[in-house]
């Protein structure tokens, strides 16, 4: 099940890892989570990998460093 809060939290954490200020990280995470939520609504089947790939694409539009951190520091535990 899709959880917008997880998208927000992982984006926010990636922003902080990229040394983005808290207020800017909140704005980026909010924009990304809303875009992903809208994207998910238009799909019948969505896997976590689909969301991961789409998040990287969306995050790159807002901050390439944060997108890099998100993409390369994926928790696979």
N, C-alpha and C. Protein backbone atom coordinates (compact mmCIF):
# COMPACT_ATOMS: atom_id res chain seq x y z
N UNK A 1 0.84 -1.18 0.00
CA UNK A 1 0.00 0.00 0.00
C UNK A 1 0.88 1.25 0.00
N UNK A 2 0.53 2.20 -0.81
CA UNK A 2 1.30 3.44 -0.93
C UNK A 2 1.12 4.31 0.31
N UNK A 3 2.24 4.81 0.82
CA UNK A 3 2.22 5.67 2.00
C UNK A 3 2.97 6.96 1.68
N UNK A 4 2.23 8.02 1.51
CA UNK A 4 2.81 9.32 1.16
C UNK A 4 3.81 9.79 2.21
N UNK A 5 3.58 9.42 3.46
CA UNK A 5 4.49 9.83 4.55
C UNK A 5 5.87 9.22 4.38
N UNK A 6 5.94 7.98 3.88
CA UNK A 6 7.24 7.34 3.65
C UNK A 6 7.99 8.05 2.53
N UNK A 7 7.27 8.44 1.49
CA UNK A 7 7.88 9.18 0.39
C UNK A 7 8.44 10.50 0.91
N UNK A 8 7.63 11.22 1.68
CA UNK A 8 8.05 12.49 2.25
C UNK A 8 9.30 12.29 3.12
N UNK A 9 9.24 11.31 4.01
CA UNK A 9 10.33 11.09 4.95
C UNK A 9 11.63 10.71 4.25
N UNK A 10 11.56 9.85 3.26
CA UNK A 10 12.78 9.44 2.57
C UNK A 10 13.35 10.58 1.73
N UNK A 11 12.49 11.38 1.14
CA UNK A 11 12.95 12.54 0.39
C UNK A 11 13.58 13.57 1.33
N UNK A 12 12.93 13.81 2.44
CA UNK A 12 13.43 14.77 3.44
C UNK A 12 14.80 14.33 3.95
N UNK A 13 14.95 13.05 4.25
CA UNK A 13 16.22 12.52 4.74
C UNK A 13 17.32 12.67 3.68
N UNK A 14 16.98 12.42 2.43
CA UNK A 14 17.96 12.57 1.35
C UNK A 14 18.39 14.02 1.22
N UNK A 15 17.44 14.93 1.37
CA UNK A 15 17.76 16.36 1.31
C UNK A 15 18.71 16.75 2.44
N UNK A 16 18.44 16.27 3.63
CA UNK A 16 19.33 16.58 4.76
C UNK A 16 20.71 15.98 4.54
N UNK A 17 20.77 14.79 3.97
CA UNK A 17 22.05 14.16 3.67
C UNK A 17 22.84 14.95 2.63
N UNK A 18 22.12 15.67 1.79
CA UNK A 18 22.74 16.51 0.75
C UNK A 18 23.05 17.90 1.30
N UNK A 19 22.91 18.09 2.61
CA UNK A 19 23.21 19.35 3.30
C UNK A 19 22.31 20.50 2.86
N UNK A 20 21.04 20.18 2.64
CA UNK A 20 20.04 21.19 2.31
C UNK A 20 19.41 21.65 3.62
N UNK A 21 19.16 22.93 3.74
CA UNK A 21 18.56 23.48 4.96
C UNK A 21 17.19 22.85 5.21
N UNK A 22 16.81 22.77 6.49
CA UNK A 22 15.56 22.10 6.89
C UNK A 22 14.34 22.65 6.17
N UNK A 23 14.20 23.95 6.11
CA UNK A 23 13.00 24.54 5.50
C UNK A 23 12.93 24.22 4.01
N UNK A 24 14.07 24.25 3.34
CA UNK A 24 14.12 23.91 1.92
C UNK A 24 13.85 22.42 1.72
N UNK A 25 14.40 21.60 2.61
CA UNK A 25 14.17 20.15 2.55
C UNK A 25 12.69 19.83 2.72
N UNK A 26 12.02 20.55 3.62
CA UNK A 26 10.58 20.35 3.82
C UNK A 26 9.80 20.70 2.56
N UNK A 27 10.17 21.81 1.92
CA UNK A 27 9.48 22.23 0.70
C UNK A 27 9.68 21.23 -0.42
N UNK A 28 10.91 20.76 -0.59
CA UNK A 28 11.18 19.78 -1.64
C UNK A 28 10.44 18.48 -1.35
N UNK A 29 10.50 18.00 -0.12
CA UNK A 29 9.82 16.75 0.25
C UNK A 29 8.32 16.85 0.04
N UNK A 30 7.76 18.01 0.34
CA UNK A 30 6.33 18.23 0.15
C UNK A 30 5.97 18.16 -1.34
N UNK A 31 6.74 18.85 -2.17
CA UNK A 31 6.49 18.85 -3.61
C UNK A 31 6.63 17.45 -4.20
N UNK A 32 7.70 16.77 -3.82
CA UNK A 32 7.96 15.42 -4.35
C UNK A 32 6.85 14.46 -3.92
N UNK A 33 6.47 14.49 -2.65
CA UNK A 33 5.45 13.55 -2.18
C UNK A 33 4.11 13.80 -2.86
N UNK A 34 3.78 15.06 -3.12
CA UNK A 34 2.53 15.36 -3.83
C UNK A 34 2.58 14.89 -5.28
N UNK A 35 3.73 15.08 -5.94
CA UNK A 35 3.86 14.62 -7.32
C UNK A 35 3.79 13.10 -7.41
N UNK A 36 4.42 12.42 -6.46
CA UNK A 36 4.39 10.95 -6.46
C UNK A 36 2.98 10.45 -6.17
N UNK A 37 2.29 11.08 -5.24
CA UNK A 37 0.91 10.69 -4.93
C UNK A 37 0.02 10.81 -6.17
N UNK A 38 0.18 11.89 -6.89
CA UNK A 38 -0.58 12.11 -8.13
C UNK A 38 -0.22 11.06 -9.17
N UNK A 39 1.07 10.75 -9.28
CA UNK A 39 1.54 9.75 -10.24
C UNK A 39 0.98 8.37 -9.91
N UNK A 40 0.96 8.01 -8.63
CA UNK A 40 0.47 6.69 -8.21
C UNK A 40 -1.02 6.54 -8.53
N UNK A 41 -1.79 7.61 -8.37
CA UNK A 41 -3.24 7.55 -8.61
C UNK A 41 -3.56 7.15 -10.05
N UNK A 42 -2.66 7.43 -10.97
CA UNK A 42 -2.90 7.13 -12.38
C UNK A 42 -2.42 5.74 -12.79
N UNK A 43 -2.02 4.93 -11.85
CA UNK A 43 -1.50 3.59 -12.13
C UNK A 43 -2.39 2.54 -11.48
N UNK A 44 -2.55 1.41 -12.18
CA UNK A 44 -3.31 0.31 -11.61
C UNK A 44 -2.44 -0.54 -10.70
N UNK A 45 -1.20 -0.75 -11.11
CA UNK A 45 -0.26 -1.55 -10.33
C UNK A 45 1.01 -0.73 -10.12
N UNK A 46 1.44 -0.64 -8.87
CA UNK A 46 2.66 0.11 -8.55
C UNK A 46 3.47 -0.69 -7.54
N UNK A 47 4.72 -0.91 -7.88
CA UNK A 47 5.62 -1.60 -6.95
C UNK A 47 6.50 -0.56 -6.25
N UNK A 48 7.18 -1.00 -5.22
CA UNK A 48 8.09 -0.09 -4.53
C UNK A 48 9.22 0.34 -5.46
N UNK A 49 9.62 -0.54 -6.36
CA UNK A 49 10.67 -0.19 -7.32
C UNK A 49 10.17 0.89 -8.30
N UNK A 50 8.92 0.79 -8.73
CA UNK A 50 8.34 1.84 -9.59
C UNK A 50 8.38 3.19 -8.87
N UNK A 51 8.01 3.19 -7.61
CA UNK A 51 8.01 4.43 -6.82
C UNK A 51 9.44 4.95 -6.68
N UNK A 52 10.37 4.06 -6.42
CA UNK A 52 11.78 4.45 -6.29
C UNK A 52 12.27 5.15 -7.56
N UNK A 53 12.03 4.54 -8.70
CA UNK A 53 12.47 5.11 -9.99
C UNK A 53 11.82 6.46 -10.24
N UNK A 54 10.53 6.54 -9.98
CA UNK A 54 9.80 7.81 -10.19
C UNK A 54 10.29 8.88 -9.22
N UNK A 55 10.58 8.50 -8.00
CA UNK A 55 11.08 9.48 -7.03
C UNK A 55 12.40 10.06 -7.48
N UNK A 56 13.28 9.23 -8.00
CA UNK A 56 14.57 9.74 -8.49
C UNK A 56 14.32 10.76 -9.59
N UNK A 57 13.43 10.45 -10.52
CA UNK A 57 13.12 11.38 -11.62
C UNK A 57 12.58 12.70 -11.09
N UNK A 58 11.63 12.63 -10.19
CA UNK A 58 11.01 13.84 -9.65
C UNK A 58 12.01 14.64 -8.82
N UNK A 59 12.78 13.95 -7.99
CA UNK A 59 13.73 14.65 -7.14
C UNK A 59 14.80 15.36 -7.96
N UNK A 60 15.19 14.79 -9.08
CA UNK A 60 16.20 15.42 -9.94
C UNK A 60 15.73 16.78 -10.44
N UNK A 61 14.42 16.94 -10.61
CA UNK A 61 13.87 18.23 -11.03
C UNK A 61 14.03 19.28 -9.95
N UNK A 62 14.04 18.86 -8.70
CA UNK A 62 14.07 19.80 -7.59
C UNK A 62 15.48 20.00 -7.02
N UNK A 63 16.26 18.92 -6.93
CA UNK A 63 17.63 19.04 -6.43
C UNK A 63 18.39 17.78 -6.81
N UNK A 64 19.38 17.94 -7.67
CA UNK A 64 20.14 16.78 -8.17
C UNK A 64 20.97 16.11 -7.08
N UNK A 65 21.49 16.88 -6.14
CA UNK A 65 22.28 16.29 -5.06
C UNK A 65 21.42 15.43 -4.15
N UNK A 66 20.23 15.91 -3.83
CA UNK A 66 19.31 15.12 -2.99
C UNK A 66 18.88 13.85 -3.73
N UNK A 67 18.63 13.98 -5.02
CA UNK A 67 18.25 12.81 -5.82
C UNK A 67 19.38 11.78 -5.82
N UNK A 68 20.62 12.26 -5.94
CA UNK A 68 21.78 11.37 -5.90
C UNK A 68 21.85 10.64 -4.57
N UNK A 69 21.67 11.38 -3.48
CA UNK A 69 21.72 10.77 -2.15
C UNK A 69 20.62 9.71 -2.00
N UNK A 70 19.44 10.03 -2.47
CA UNK A 70 18.32 9.08 -2.39
C UNK A 70 18.62 7.83 -3.20
N UNK A 71 19.10 8.04 -4.40
CA UNK A 71 19.32 6.92 -5.33
C UNK A 71 20.46 6.01 -4.88
N UNK A 72 21.53 6.59 -4.34
CA UNK A 72 22.71 5.79 -4.02
C UNK A 72 22.75 5.29 -2.58
N UNK A 73 21.88 5.78 -1.73
CA UNK A 73 21.89 5.36 -0.33
C UNK A 73 20.61 4.64 0.05
N UNK A 74 20.13 3.83 -0.87
CA UNK A 74 18.90 3.08 -0.66
C UNK A 74 19.12 2.00 0.39
N UNK A 75 18.23 1.96 1.36
CA UNK A 75 18.30 0.94 2.41
C UNK A 75 17.66 -0.34 1.89
N UNK A 76 18.46 -1.39 1.77
CA UNK A 76 17.94 -2.65 1.23
C UNK A 76 17.82 -3.72 2.31
N UNK A 77 17.81 -3.30 3.55
CA UNK A 77 17.74 -4.27 4.65
C UNK A 77 16.36 -4.87 4.79
